[in-house]
N, C-alpha and C. Protein backbone atom coordinates (compact mmCIF):
# COMPACT_ATOMS: atom_id res chain seq x y z
N MET A 1 27.58 61.36 -74.94
CA MET A 1 28.10 60.90 -74.35
C MET A 1 27.41 60.91 -73.42
N SER A 2 25.81 59.58 -73.37
CA SER A 2 24.76 59.34 -72.38
C SER A 2 26.25 59.15 -71.08
N THR A 3 25.23 59.76 -69.86
CA THR A 3 25.48 60.09 -68.42
C THR A 3 25.62 58.07 -67.86
N ALA A 4 25.82 57.89 -67.35
CA ALA A 4 25.79 56.52 -66.83
C ALA A 4 26.01 56.23 -65.33
N LEU A 5 24.06 55.95 -64.52
CA LEU A 5 24.26 56.37 -62.87
C LEU A 5 24.10 55.20 -62.48
N LEU A 6 25.19 54.65 -61.00
CA LEU A 6 24.46 53.56 -59.68
C LEU A 6 23.67 53.12 -59.37
N LEU A 7 22.72 53.53 -59.70
CA LEU A 7 20.89 53.53 -58.51
C LEU A 7 20.70 52.21 -57.22
N VAL A 8 21.28 52.67 -56.71
CA VAL A 8 20.79 51.90 -55.76
C VAL A 8 19.53 51.73 -54.31
N GLU A 9 19.11 50.41 -54.71
CA GLU A 9 17.51 51.08 -53.84
C GLU A 9 17.38 49.92 -54.29
N PRO A 10 16.84 48.99 -52.58
CA PRO A 10 16.57 47.65 -52.25
C PRO A 10 14.97 47.02 -52.42
N GLU A 11 14.16 48.25 -52.83
CA GLU A 11 12.64 48.22 -52.91
C GLU A 11 12.39 48.65 -54.44
N PRO A 12 11.45 47.07 -54.49
CA PRO A 12 12.40 46.42 -55.92
C PRO A 12 11.64 47.49 -57.24
N GLU A 13 10.04 47.98 -55.91
CA GLU A 13 8.59 48.90 -56.66
C GLU A 13 9.07 50.36 -57.06
N ASN A 14 9.92 51.06 -56.31
CA ASN A 14 10.78 52.24 -56.09
C ASN A 14 11.93 52.52 -56.99
N ARG A 15 12.91 51.42 -57.64
CA ARG A 15 13.71 51.10 -57.86
C ARG A 15 13.44 50.96 -59.56
N GLY A 16 12.31 50.06 -59.03
CA GLY A 16 11.64 49.96 -61.39
C GLY A 16 11.37 51.31 -61.49
N TYR A 17 10.42 52.04 -60.70
CA TYR A 17 10.14 53.05 -60.74
C TYR A 17 11.42 54.54 -61.66
N LEU A 18 12.66 54.42 -60.55
CA LEU A 18 13.69 55.64 -61.01
C LEU A 18 13.95 55.28 -62.07
N GLU A 19 14.34 53.71 -62.26
CA GLU A 19 15.07 53.08 -63.71
C GLU A 19 14.39 53.56 -65.16
N ARG A 20 13.31 53.50 -64.89
CA ARG A 20 12.52 53.81 -66.16
C ARG A 20 12.01 54.95 -66.43
N HIS A 21 12.14 56.14 -65.40
CA HIS A 21 11.71 56.83 -66.38
C HIS A 21 13.68 58.06 -66.36
N LEU A 22 14.72 57.02 -65.25
CA LEU A 22 16.23 58.42 -65.24
C LEU A 22 15.96 57.68 -66.79
N ARG A 23 15.79 56.39 -67.70
CA ARG A 23 15.99 55.40 -68.68
C ARG A 23 15.12 57.08 -70.10
N SER A 24 14.65 57.50 -69.50
CA SER A 24 13.41 57.79 -70.26
C SER A 24 14.19 59.47 -70.60
N ASP A 25 14.94 59.49 -69.80
CA ASP A 25 15.18 61.26 -69.81
C ASP A 25 17.13 60.61 -70.03
N GLY A 26 17.14 59.62 -70.64
CA GLY A 26 18.48 60.12 -71.26
C GLY A 26 20.04 59.44 -70.83
N PHE A 27 19.62 58.76 -69.46
CA PHE A 27 20.75 58.28 -68.53
C PHE A 27 20.88 56.77 -68.94
N VAL A 28 22.24 56.22 -68.80
CA VAL A 28 22.15 55.21 -68.37
C VAL A 28 22.67 54.15 -67.41
N VAL A 29 21.20 53.80 -67.00
CA VAL A 29 20.94 53.04 -65.46
C VAL A 29 21.38 51.63 -65.71
N THR A 30 22.07 51.88 -64.37
CA THR A 30 22.50 50.39 -63.59
C THR A 30 22.31 50.25 -62.58
N GLU A 31 21.79 48.80 -62.34
CA GLU A 31 20.81 48.76 -60.83
C GLU A 31 21.94 47.58 -59.86
N ALA A 32 20.81 47.88 -58.47
CA ALA A 32 21.66 47.50 -57.19
C ALA A 32 20.70 47.12 -56.52
N GLY A 33 20.37 46.70 -55.96
CA GLY A 33 19.05 46.08 -54.59
C GLY A 33 20.26 46.48 -53.18
N TRP A 34 21.62 46.52 -53.00
CA TRP A 34 22.26 46.04 -51.84
C TRP A 34 23.21 46.51 -51.88
N ASP A 35 23.85 46.90 -50.37
CA ASP A 35 24.72 47.61 -50.88
C ASP A 35 26.29 47.02 -51.43
N ALA A 36 26.42 45.70 -50.95
CA ALA A 36 27.72 44.81 -51.71
C ALA A 36 27.86 44.96 -53.46
N GLN A 37 26.77 44.05 -54.06
CA GLN A 37 26.26 45.02 -54.87
C GLN A 37 26.55 46.06 -55.73
N ALA A 38 26.57 46.61 -55.28
CA ALA A 38 26.67 48.28 -55.77
C ALA A 38 27.96 48.73 -55.07
N LEU A 39 28.96 48.15 -54.42
CA LEU A 39 29.74 48.05 -54.82
C LEU A 39 30.64 47.53 -55.32
N ASP A 40 30.30 45.93 -55.84
CA ASP A 40 31.27 45.66 -56.60
C ASP A 40 30.79 45.89 -58.37
N LEU A 41 29.59 46.79 -58.20
CA LEU A 41 29.07 47.63 -59.94
C LEU A 41 30.00 49.13 -60.17
N ALA A 42 30.04 49.53 -58.57
CA ALA A 42 31.10 50.37 -59.18
C ALA A 42 32.35 50.46 -59.46
N GLU A 43 33.13 49.30 -58.91
CA GLU A 43 34.09 48.84 -59.50
C GLU A 43 34.20 48.66 -60.61
N ARG A 44 33.25 47.92 -61.05
CA ARG A 44 33.48 47.46 -62.39
C ARG A 44 33.31 48.01 -63.38
N THR A 45 32.26 48.80 -63.35
CA THR A 45 31.29 49.77 -64.30
C THR A 45 31.72 51.34 -64.49
N ARG A 46 32.80 51.68 -63.28
CA ARG A 46 32.72 52.44 -62.89
C ARG A 46 31.84 53.99 -63.40
N PRO A 47 30.51 54.21 -61.87
CA PRO A 47 29.59 55.09 -62.68
C PRO A 47 30.38 56.81 -62.84
N ASP A 48 29.53 57.01 -63.66
CA ASP A 48 29.60 58.74 -63.02
C ASP A 48 28.95 59.07 -61.61
N LEU A 49 27.95 59.11 -61.41
CA LEU A 49 27.30 59.75 -60.29
C LEU A 49 26.51 57.95 -59.52
N VAL A 50 26.49 57.99 -58.25
CA VAL A 50 25.48 57.02 -57.80
C VAL A 50 24.03 57.50 -56.95
N ILE A 51 23.53 56.98 -57.29
CA ILE A 51 21.73 57.03 -56.69
C ILE A 51 22.42 56.18 -55.13
N ALA A 52 22.31 56.55 -53.62
CA ALA A 52 22.11 55.45 -53.21
C ALA A 52 20.98 55.72 -52.05
N ALA A 53 20.41 55.07 -51.47
CA ALA A 53 18.90 54.37 -50.94
C ALA A 53 19.05 54.75 -49.17
N GLU A 54 20.79 54.16 -49.02
CA GLU A 54 21.28 54.63 -47.56
C GLU A 54 22.08 55.51 -47.26
N ALA A 55 22.61 56.87 -47.02
CA ALA A 55 23.83 56.70 -46.55
C ALA A 55 25.31 56.15 -46.25
N GLU A 56 25.47 54.98 -45.77
CA GLU A 56 26.35 53.94 -45.31
C GLU A 56 26.97 53.56 -46.87
N LEU A 57 26.21 53.78 -47.77
CA LEU A 57 26.70 52.98 -48.49
C LEU A 57 27.87 54.33 -49.26
N CYS A 58 27.44 55.41 -48.80
CA CYS A 58 28.70 56.74 -49.56
C CYS A 58 29.88 56.65 -48.61
N ARG A 59 29.89 56.16 -47.03
CA ARG A 59 30.39 56.21 -46.31
C ARG A 59 31.59 55.26 -47.03
N ARG A 60 31.40 53.84 -47.51
CA ARG A 60 31.85 52.78 -47.58
C ARG A 60 32.68 53.00 -48.93
N LEU A 61 31.96 53.92 -49.91
CA LEU A 61 32.39 54.86 -50.80
C LEU A 61 33.02 55.37 -50.48
N ARG A 62 33.22 56.49 -50.77
CA ARG A 62 34.75 57.67 -49.29
C ARG A 62 35.66 57.10 -48.97
N GLU A 63 35.76 55.76 -48.61
CA GLU A 63 36.90 55.16 -47.57
C GLU A 63 37.24 54.15 -48.04
N GLY A 64 36.72 53.64 -48.80
CA GLY A 64 37.43 52.78 -49.93
C GLY A 64 37.65 51.36 -48.59
N GLU A 65 38.23 50.25 -49.64
CA GLU A 65 38.39 49.07 -48.71
C GLU A 65 39.61 48.26 -49.87
N PRO A 66 39.88 47.73 -48.78
CA PRO A 66 41.66 47.15 -48.59
C PRO A 66 41.08 46.31 -50.43
N GLY A 67 42.40 46.53 -50.66
CA GLY A 67 41.72 45.01 -52.54
C GLY A 67 40.68 45.72 -53.06
N ARG A 68 40.09 46.56 -52.36
CA ARG A 68 39.20 46.97 -54.08
C ARG A 68 39.24 49.02 -54.60
N ARG A 69 38.78 48.80 -56.12
CA ARG A 69 39.29 49.89 -56.86
C ARG A 69 38.27 50.09 -57.15
N TRP A 70 37.82 51.94 -56.83
CA TRP A 70 36.58 52.71 -57.36
C TRP A 70 36.86 53.72 -57.61
N ASP A 71 36.26 54.20 -57.72
CA ASP A 71 36.29 56.53 -58.08
C ASP A 71 35.20 56.78 -56.99
N ARG A 72 36.85 57.10 -55.64
CA ARG A 72 36.58 57.59 -54.37
C ARG A 72 35.87 58.83 -54.20
N ASN A 73 35.82 59.32 -55.94
CA ASN A 73 35.26 61.08 -55.59
C ASN A 73 33.79 60.98 -56.37
N VAL A 74 33.38 60.08 -56.67
CA VAL A 74 32.62 59.70 -57.30
C VAL A 74 30.41 60.67 -56.68
N PRO A 75 30.45 61.63 -57.18
CA PRO A 75 29.65 62.25 -56.91
C PRO A 75 28.22 61.59 -56.34
N VAL A 76 27.86 61.72 -54.87
CA VAL A 76 26.81 60.36 -54.69
C VAL A 76 25.38 61.70 -54.08
N ILE A 77 24.44 60.53 -55.01
CA ILE A 77 22.87 61.03 -53.87
C ILE A 77 22.17 61.27 -52.93
N VAL A 78 22.08 61.34 -51.96
CA VAL A 78 21.29 59.59 -50.66
C VAL A 78 19.89 60.53 -50.99
N LEU A 79 19.61 59.52 -51.25
CA LEU A 79 17.85 59.30 -51.30
C LEU A 79 17.42 59.10 -50.03
N THR A 80 15.88 59.67 -49.89
CA THR A 80 15.70 59.80 -48.62
C THR A 80 14.16 60.08 -48.31
N SER A 81 13.63 59.00 -47.07
CA SER A 81 11.88 59.61 -47.50
C SER A 81 11.41 60.54 -47.23
N SER A 82 9.52 61.07 -48.02
CA SER A 82 10.03 62.25 -48.33
C SER A 82 9.47 62.42 -46.82
N GLY A 83 9.53 64.40 -46.18
CA GLY A 83 9.09 64.85 -45.15
C GLY A 83 10.33 63.68 -44.24
N ALA A 84 11.49 63.42 -44.31
CA ALA A 84 12.92 62.52 -43.55
C ALA A 84 13.14 63.86 -42.80
N ASP A 85 13.60 62.94 -41.33
CA ASP A 85 13.84 64.28 -40.23
C ASP A 85 15.11 64.70 -40.82
N PRO A 86 15.20 66.74 -40.53
CA PRO A 86 16.46 67.29 -41.13
C PRO A 86 17.80 65.82 -40.44
N ILE A 87 18.02 65.86 -39.28
CA ILE A 87 19.03 65.09 -38.90
C ILE A 87 19.72 63.98 -39.71
N ASP A 88 18.47 63.17 -40.06
CA ASP A 88 18.71 62.74 -41.30
C ASP A 88 19.96 62.86 -42.53
N ARG A 89 19.59 64.24 -42.66
CA ARG A 89 19.45 64.69 -44.33
C ARG A 89 21.38 65.53 -44.27
N VAL A 90 22.09 65.79 -42.13
CA VAL A 90 23.29 65.86 -42.23
C VAL A 90 23.49 65.12 -41.87
N ARG A 91 23.46 63.43 -41.52
CA ARG A 91 23.92 62.79 -41.97
C ARG A 91 24.87 62.77 -42.59
N ALA A 92 23.72 62.25 -43.97
CA ALA A 92 24.20 61.41 -45.31
C ALA A 92 25.04 62.54 -45.01
N PHE A 93 25.56 64.13 -45.28
CA PHE A 93 26.18 64.73 -45.66
C PHE A 93 27.68 64.24 -44.70
N GLU A 94 27.66 64.49 -43.82
CA GLU A 94 28.59 63.99 -43.02
C GLU A 94 29.46 62.47 -43.44
N ARG A 95 28.76 61.71 -44.24
CA ARG A 95 29.37 60.60 -44.85
C ARG A 95 29.90 60.14 -45.94
N GLY A 96 29.55 62.06 -46.28
CA GLY A 96 30.39 62.19 -47.48
C GLY A 96 28.64 62.36 -49.01
N ALA A 97 27.70 62.33 -48.74
CA ALA A 97 27.07 62.85 -49.79
C ALA A 97 27.70 64.53 -50.34
N ASP A 98 27.16 64.35 -51.41
CA ASP A 98 27.61 65.71 -52.52
C ASP A 98 25.72 66.59 -52.53
N ASP A 99 24.83 65.41 -52.76
CA ASP A 99 23.40 66.62 -52.31
C ASP A 99 22.20 65.15 -51.43
N VAL A 100 21.02 65.62 -50.60
CA VAL A 100 20.17 64.63 -50.86
C VAL A 100 18.70 64.69 -51.24
N VAL A 101 18.39 63.94 -51.68
CA VAL A 101 16.45 64.23 -52.39
C VAL A 101 16.02 63.76 -51.52
N ALA A 102 14.83 64.02 -51.72
CA ALA A 102 13.90 63.31 -51.13
C ALA A 102 12.67 62.46 -52.74
N ARG A 103 13.21 60.98 -52.49
CA ARG A 103 12.51 59.51 -53.56
C ARG A 103 11.66 60.03 -53.68
N ASP A 104 10.03 60.89 -53.65
CA ASP A 104 9.71 60.85 -54.04
C ASP A 104 9.73 62.35 -55.20
N MET A 105 10.92 63.51 -55.17
CA MET A 105 10.63 64.16 -56.49
C MET A 105 12.03 64.40 -57.50
N TYR A 106 10.70 63.48 -58.65
CA TYR A 106 11.58 62.45 -58.93
C TYR A 106 12.38 63.71 -60.63
N VAL A 107 11.20 64.58 -60.74
CA VAL A 107 12.43 66.43 -60.69
C VAL A 107 12.79 67.04 -60.70
N GLU A 108 13.12 67.12 -58.86
CA GLU A 108 13.73 67.56 -58.71
C GLU A 108 15.56 66.77 -58.22
N LEU A 109 14.86 65.45 -58.18
CA LEU A 109 16.73 65.36 -58.32
C LEU A 109 17.32 64.60 -59.40
N VAL A 110 16.02 65.25 -60.98
CA VAL A 110 16.89 64.73 -61.74
C VAL A 110 17.91 66.81 -62.41
N ALA A 111 17.47 67.61 -61.54
CA ALA A 111 17.65 68.73 -62.08
C ALA A 111 19.54 68.56 -60.92
N ARG A 112 18.80 67.98 -59.37
CA ARG A 112 20.47 67.82 -58.90
C ARG A 112 21.11 67.04 -59.37
N ILE A 113 20.90 65.85 -60.25
CA ILE A 113 22.18 65.27 -61.06
C ILE A 113 22.27 66.16 -62.12
N ARG A 114 22.06 66.76 -62.63
CA ARG A 114 22.02 67.56 -63.94
C ARG A 114 23.91 68.57 -63.11
N ALA A 115 22.79 69.54 -62.08
CA ALA A 115 23.77 69.87 -61.62
C ALA A 115 25.31 69.59 -61.00
N LEU A 116 24.75 68.41 -60.73
CA LEU A 116 26.17 67.67 -59.58
C LEU A 116 27.12 67.79 -61.05
N LEU A 117 26.54 67.19 -61.31
CA LEU A 117 27.51 66.22 -62.68
C LEU A 117 28.57 68.03 -63.52
N ARG A 118 27.64 68.83 -63.76
CA ARG A 118 28.44 70.30 -64.01
C ARG A 118 29.56 70.49 -63.70
N ARG A 119 29.76 70.71 -61.97
CA ARG A 119 29.98 70.62 -60.58
C ARG A 119 31.39 70.43 -60.89
N SER A 120 31.04 69.01 -61.14
CA SER A 120 31.97 68.09 -61.36
C SER A 120 32.96 67.89 -62.72
N ALA A 121 32.46 68.03 -63.18
CA ALA A 121 32.91 68.60 -64.68
C ALA A 121 34.18 69.59 -64.41
N ALA A 122 33.27 70.75 -64.07
CA ALA A 122 34.00 72.24 -63.31
C ALA A 122 35.97 72.17 -63.36
N GLY A 123 36.32 70.90 -62.68
CA GLY A 123 37.18 70.69 -61.76
C GLY A 123 37.78 69.75 -61.80
N LEU A 124 39.32 69.72 -61.66
CA LEU A 124 39.62 68.55 -61.26
C LEU A 124 38.99 67.10 -59.97
N ALA A 125 39.35 66.05 -59.85
CA ALA A 125 39.13 65.73 -58.59
C ALA A 125 40.15 65.75 -57.43
N ASP A 126 39.49 65.87 -56.89
CA ASP A 126 40.30 65.88 -55.30
C ASP A 126 40.93 64.69 -55.43
N LEU A 127 40.68 63.76 -55.75
CA LEU A 127 41.61 62.07 -55.56
C LEU A 127 41.50 61.73 -56.58
N VAL A 128 42.85 61.10 -57.37
CA VAL A 128 42.69 60.68 -58.66
C VAL A 128 43.06 58.89 -58.35
N GLU A 129 42.69 57.87 -59.15
CA GLU A 129 43.00 56.76 -58.80
C GLU A 129 43.47 56.38 -60.40
N VAL A 130 44.26 55.69 -60.03
CA VAL A 130 45.12 54.64 -61.42
C VAL A 130 46.21 53.90 -61.26
N GLY A 131 45.60 53.10 -61.42
CA GLY A 131 45.91 51.45 -60.78
C GLY A 131 45.51 51.69 -59.10
N ASP A 132 47.66 50.71 -59.86
CA ASP A 132 48.19 51.31 -58.05
C ASP A 132 48.57 52.36 -57.35
N LEU A 133 48.26 53.42 -58.30
CA LEU A 133 49.00 55.11 -58.02
C LEU A 133 47.39 56.04 -58.18
N LEU A 134 47.55 56.61 -56.29
CA LEU A 134 45.80 57.74 -55.66
C LEU A 134 47.08 59.15 -55.78
N VAL A 135 46.50 59.83 -56.79
CA VAL A 135 46.91 61.73 -56.42
C VAL A 135 45.60 62.13 -55.80
N ASP A 136 46.55 62.49 -54.98
CA ASP A 136 45.38 63.78 -54.33
C ASP A 136 45.89 65.19 -53.87
N HIS A 137 44.90 65.37 -54.75
CA HIS A 137 45.83 66.87 -55.23
C HIS A 137 44.86 68.01 -54.39
N ARG A 138 44.61 67.82 -52.96
CA ARG A 138 44.50 68.58 -52.11
C ARG A 138 46.09 68.14 -51.03
N ALA A 139 46.02 66.67 -51.16
CA ALA A 139 47.48 67.15 -49.94
C ALA A 139 48.78 67.45 -50.72
N ARG A 140 48.69 67.45 -52.12
CA ARG A 140 50.08 67.16 -53.63
C ARG A 140 50.78 66.67 -53.26
N GLN A 141 49.96 65.10 -52.84
CA GLN A 141 50.69 63.64 -52.55
C GLN A 141 50.71 63.28 -53.50
N VAL A 142 51.43 62.39 -54.07
CA VAL A 142 51.34 60.81 -54.82
C VAL A 142 51.15 59.67 -54.07
N ARG A 143 50.38 58.90 -53.70
CA ARG A 143 50.79 57.05 -53.08
C ARG A 143 50.31 55.69 -53.81
N LEU A 144 51.43 55.61 -53.72
CA LEU A 144 51.86 54.03 -54.95
C LEU A 144 51.64 52.92 -53.73
N ARG A 145 50.71 51.96 -53.97
CA ARG A 145 49.89 51.37 -53.51
C ARG A 145 49.69 51.54 -51.83
N GLY A 146 49.25 52.29 -51.75
CA GLY A 146 49.65 53.68 -50.39
C GLY A 146 50.78 53.78 -49.04
N ALA A 147 51.52 53.43 -49.12
CA ALA A 147 53.32 54.59 -49.61
C ALA A 147 53.10 55.66 -49.96
N PRO A 148 53.54 56.33 -49.69
CA PRO A 148 54.16 58.21 -50.07
C PRO A 148 54.83 57.89 -50.79
N VAL A 149 55.06 58.53 -52.21
CA VAL A 149 56.45 59.47 -53.26
C VAL A 149 56.66 60.04 -52.39
N ARG A 150 57.71 60.70 -52.60
CA ARG A 150 57.83 61.93 -51.91
C ARG A 150 58.72 62.34 -53.36
N LEU A 151 57.66 63.41 -54.02
CA LEU A 151 58.11 64.44 -55.29
C LEU A 151 58.50 65.98 -55.49
N ALA A 152 59.44 66.01 -56.21
CA ALA A 152 59.46 67.82 -56.27
C ALA A 152 58.60 68.27 -56.84
N GLY A 153 57.82 69.51 -56.39
CA GLY A 153 56.69 70.01 -56.90
C GLY A 153 56.27 70.22 -58.16
N ARG A 154 57.16 70.35 -59.41
CA ARG A 154 56.84 70.16 -60.52
C ARG A 154 56.71 68.47 -61.07
N GLU A 155 57.01 67.51 -60.27
CA GLU A 155 57.18 66.52 -60.66
C GLU A 155 55.73 65.57 -60.12
N PHE A 156 55.37 66.92 -59.02
CA PHE A 156 53.95 65.78 -58.81
C PHE A 156 53.19 66.76 -59.74
N ASP A 157 53.30 67.93 -60.00
CA ASP A 157 52.34 68.83 -61.10
C ASP A 157 52.27 67.66 -62.64
N LEU A 158 53.07 67.68 -63.28
CA LEU A 158 53.80 66.58 -64.16
C LEU A 158 52.90 64.76 -63.87
N ALA A 159 52.70 64.55 -63.08
CA ALA A 159 51.67 63.29 -62.44
C ALA A 159 51.07 63.36 -62.59
N ALA A 160 50.37 64.73 -61.90
CA ALA A 160 48.82 64.98 -61.98
C ALA A 160 48.40 64.85 -62.81
N ARG A 161 49.08 65.49 -64.10
CA ARG A 161 48.55 65.80 -65.18
C ARG A 161 48.25 64.77 -66.21
N LEU A 162 49.03 63.74 -66.38
CA LEU A 162 49.43 62.33 -67.07
C LEU A 162 48.34 61.55 -66.44
N ALA A 163 47.46 61.99 -64.88
CA ALA A 163 46.83 61.52 -64.57
C ALA A 163 45.68 61.20 -65.19
N ILE A 164 45.70 62.52 -65.18
CA ILE A 164 43.70 62.88 -65.71
C ILE A 164 43.64 62.19 -66.71
N ASP A 165 44.21 61.97 -67.72
CA ASP A 165 44.17 60.74 -69.16
C ASP A 165 45.30 60.32 -69.11
N PRO A 166 45.51 58.64 -68.60
CA PRO A 166 46.75 57.79 -68.35
C PRO A 166 46.74 57.52 -69.19
N HIS A 167 45.91 56.68 -70.22
CA HIS A 167 46.47 55.80 -71.44
C HIS A 167 47.05 57.30 -72.77
N ARG A 168 46.21 58.50 -72.82
CA ARG A 168 46.50 59.38 -73.42
C ARG A 168 47.97 59.73 -73.81
N LEU A 169 49.03 60.15 -74.70
CA LEU A 169 49.96 60.24 -75.47
C LEU A 169 49.92 62.15 -75.06
N PHE A 170 50.88 62.61 -74.13
CA PHE A 170 50.60 64.13 -74.23
C PHE A 170 51.85 64.51 -74.92
N SER A 171 52.04 65.43 -75.97
CA SER A 171 52.64 65.77 -76.59
C SER A 171 53.65 66.84 -75.53
N LYS A 172 55.44 66.89 -75.91
CA LYS A 172 56.21 67.63 -74.84
C LYS A 172 55.32 69.39 -75.14
N GLU A 173 54.56 69.24 -76.25
CA GLU A 173 54.19 70.80 -76.26
C GLU A 173 53.03 71.72 -75.04
N GLU A 174 52.03 69.84 -75.12
CA GLU A 174 51.16 70.68 -74.20
C GLU A 174 51.97 70.43 -72.74
N LEU A 175 52.54 69.13 -72.22
CA LEU A 175 53.06 69.79 -70.75
C LEU A 175 54.09 70.92 -70.88
N LEU A 176 54.70 71.44 -71.73
CA LEU A 176 55.46 72.64 -71.24
C LEU A 176 54.50 73.57 -70.71
N ARG A 177 53.47 73.86 -72.09
CA ARG A 177 52.34 74.34 -71.72
C ARG A 177 51.26 74.55 -70.43
N ASP A 178 50.57 73.40 -69.61
CA ASP A 178 49.70 73.06 -68.97
C ASP A 178 51.04 73.11 -67.52
N VAL A 179 52.22 72.73 -67.10
CA VAL A 179 52.39 72.32 -66.60
C VAL A 179 53.52 73.40 -65.84
N TRP A 180 54.21 73.25 -66.68
CA TRP A 180 55.42 74.44 -67.08
C TRP A 180 54.49 76.60 -67.06
N GLY A 181 53.61 76.70 -68.29
CA GLY A 181 53.09 77.47 -68.24
C GLY A 181 53.84 78.22 -70.03
N TYR A 182 54.57 77.33 -70.48
CA TYR A 182 55.30 77.95 -71.31
C TYR A 182 54.56 78.39 -72.02
N LYS A 183 54.52 78.99 -73.30
CA LYS A 183 53.95 78.91 -74.59
C LYS A 183 54.56 79.12 -75.70
N GLY A 184 54.15 78.50 -77.54
CA GLY A 184 55.03 78.85 -78.36
C GLY A 184 55.85 77.89 -78.87
N ARG A 185 57.04 77.15 -78.88
CA ARG A 185 57.47 75.85 -79.28
C ARG A 185 58.35 76.33 -78.58
N LEU A 186 59.49 75.59 -77.93
CA LEU A 186 59.99 75.77 -77.16
C LEU A 186 61.86 74.65 -76.81
N VAL A 187 62.70 74.83 -76.72
CA VAL A 187 64.25 74.17 -77.00
C VAL A 187 64.45 73.97 -75.80
N THR A 188 63.80 72.63 -75.30
CA THR A 188 64.01 71.97 -73.72
C THR A 188 64.15 70.87 -73.43
N ARG A 189 64.90 70.78 -72.86
CA ARG A 189 64.80 69.14 -72.29
C ARG A 189 64.18 68.81 -70.30
N THR A 190 63.01 70.50 -70.32
CA THR A 190 62.73 69.87 -68.55
C THR A 190 61.75 69.38 -69.17
N VAL A 191 61.44 68.35 -69.60
CA VAL A 191 59.34 68.10 -69.83
C VAL A 191 60.64 66.39 -69.44
N ASP A 192 61.79 66.00 -70.56
CA ASP A 192 62.31 65.13 -70.26
C ASP A 192 62.85 64.58 -69.06
N ALA A 193 63.57 65.69 -68.47
CA ALA A 193 64.68 65.95 -67.61
C ALA A 193 63.49 65.16 -65.84
N HIS A 194 62.29 66.49 -65.29
CA HIS A 194 61.67 65.99 -65.29
C HIS A 194 60.68 64.66 -65.28
N ALA A 195 60.50 63.95 -66.03
CA ALA A 195 59.96 62.60 -66.79
C ALA A 195 59.97 61.40 -66.45
N CYS A 196 61.42 62.03 -66.26
CA CYS A 196 63.33 61.05 -66.30
C CYS A 196 62.98 60.75 -64.30
N ARG A 197 63.03 61.77 -63.87
CA ARG A 197 63.35 61.46 -62.29
C ARG A 197 61.57 61.01 -61.92
N LEU A 198 60.42 60.95 -62.88
CA LEU A 198 59.46 60.60 -61.39
C LEU A 198 58.98 59.19 -61.88
N ARG A 199 59.70 58.88 -63.14
CA ARG A 199 59.90 57.62 -64.18
C ARG A 199 60.41 56.85 -62.74
N ARG A 200 61.76 57.24 -62.54
CA ARG A 200 62.48 56.70 -61.29
C ARG A 200 62.19 56.46 -59.87
N LYS A 201 61.11 57.60 -59.12
CA LYS A 201 60.33 57.27 -58.23
C LYS A 201 59.91 56.65 -58.16
N LEU A 202 58.94 56.36 -58.79
CA LEU A 202 57.53 55.65 -59.31
C LEU A 202 57.53 54.05 -59.21
N GLN A 203 59.55 53.88 -60.32
CA GLN A 203 59.34 52.60 -60.31
C GLN A 203 60.04 51.81 -59.18
N VAL A 204 59.27 51.52 -57.89
CA VAL A 204 59.60 50.64 -56.87
C VAL A 204 59.57 49.32 -57.23
N THR A 205 58.83 48.27 -57.98
CA THR A 205 59.40 46.68 -58.30
C THR A 205 59.50 47.07 -59.17
N ALA A 206 60.43 46.19 -60.54
CA ALA A 206 60.70 46.09 -61.40
C ALA A 206 59.67 45.94 -62.54
N GLU A 207 58.29 45.30 -61.69
CA GLU A 207 56.67 45.15 -62.57
C GLU A 207 56.37 46.82 -62.70
N ASP A 208 57.07 47.29 -61.99
CA ASP A 208 56.42 48.85 -62.08
C ASP A 208 56.73 49.57 -63.75
N ARG A 209 55.75 49.88 -64.53
CA ARG A 209 56.29 50.94 -65.84
C ARG A 209 54.74 52.13 -65.84
N PHE A 210 55.37 53.31 -64.96
CA PHE A 210 55.12 54.44 -65.70
C PHE A 210 56.11 56.01 -66.23
N VAL A 211 55.17 56.86 -66.68
CA VAL A 211 55.65 58.43 -66.78
C VAL A 211 56.41 57.05 -69.16
N VAL A 212 55.43 56.81 -69.81
CA VAL A 212 56.37 55.68 -70.13
C VAL A 212 56.06 57.07 -71.82
N ASN A 213 57.79 57.04 -72.31
CA ASN A 213 58.52 58.00 -73.17
C ASN A 213 57.96 57.28 -74.81
N VAL A 214 57.43 57.80 -75.35
CA VAL A 214 57.09 57.63 -76.55
C VAL A 214 57.55 58.00 -77.45
N TRP A 215 59.18 57.83 -78.07
CA TRP A 215 59.85 58.78 -78.82
C TRP A 215 59.89 59.85 -79.44
N GLY A 216 60.05 60.73 -79.24
CA GLY A 216 59.62 61.98 -80.38
C GLY A 216 58.60 62.91 -80.04
N LYS A 217 57.27 61.64 -79.35
CA LYS A 217 56.30 62.39 -79.36
C LYS A 217 55.75 63.22 -78.10
N GLY A 218 56.35 62.35 -77.57
CA GLY A 218 55.33 62.90 -75.62
C GLY A 218 55.45 61.49 -74.55
N TYR A 219 54.52 61.76 -73.58
CA TYR A 219 54.51 61.39 -72.69
C TYR A 219 53.07 60.52 -72.10
N ARG A 220 53.06 59.38 -71.57
CA ARG A 220 52.02 59.28 -71.16
C ARG A 220 51.76 58.04 -69.63
N LEU A 221 50.87 58.09 -68.87
CA LEU A 221 51.13 57.64 -68.12
C LEU A 221 51.76 56.13 -67.67
N LEU A 222 50.50 55.67 -68.41
CA LEU A 222 50.67 54.15 -68.42
C LEU A 222 50.33 53.82 -69.75
N GLU A 223 51.01 52.96 -69.82
CA GLU A 223 51.76 51.90 -71.58
C GLU A 223 50.30 51.23 -72.40
């Protein structure tokens, strides 16, 4: 599957140069010329990685904005001018950049993109957003529309596992193996009991539909 990049560069000449070469190297590129456009595209297209000309965009991506939903954990590379002040690089990292590359070092940029994507794929994101739900792995907390939901340890583990692929149907055997560490086929109501409690805790309004039971097969987070 091709990697989707969001390229944010205000200078048309630089943007065109990078876009042409990135496409020729097999990436799917969406272009933006300014931050507001980039945020709209991040929300609509859900890129695998963002290349940003300004560190301020990285800060806005990381912090999120009221009523807006994008992957706040998306990998971000900030571009700098050749010979940029080291302080500018440090400031970019402080604003949440994963890497900083000079815009005229194209071969290095591609190498950094691929290395960063490999690292990102190696483990779970710290923050996973699924509609109104936010799963925070660092804090081991689930928030629904910004409000924390009190979950027991295994309930959080179950929510986190389902959130990895919210529309996928997970069998009970998979969940017993991945959440509880059980191997082989076991006759137990453990998954059902935890799923029932988790569903109740996530049903704050009558419209909330989380932890869907597919009778005789398993569970998915969303319908």
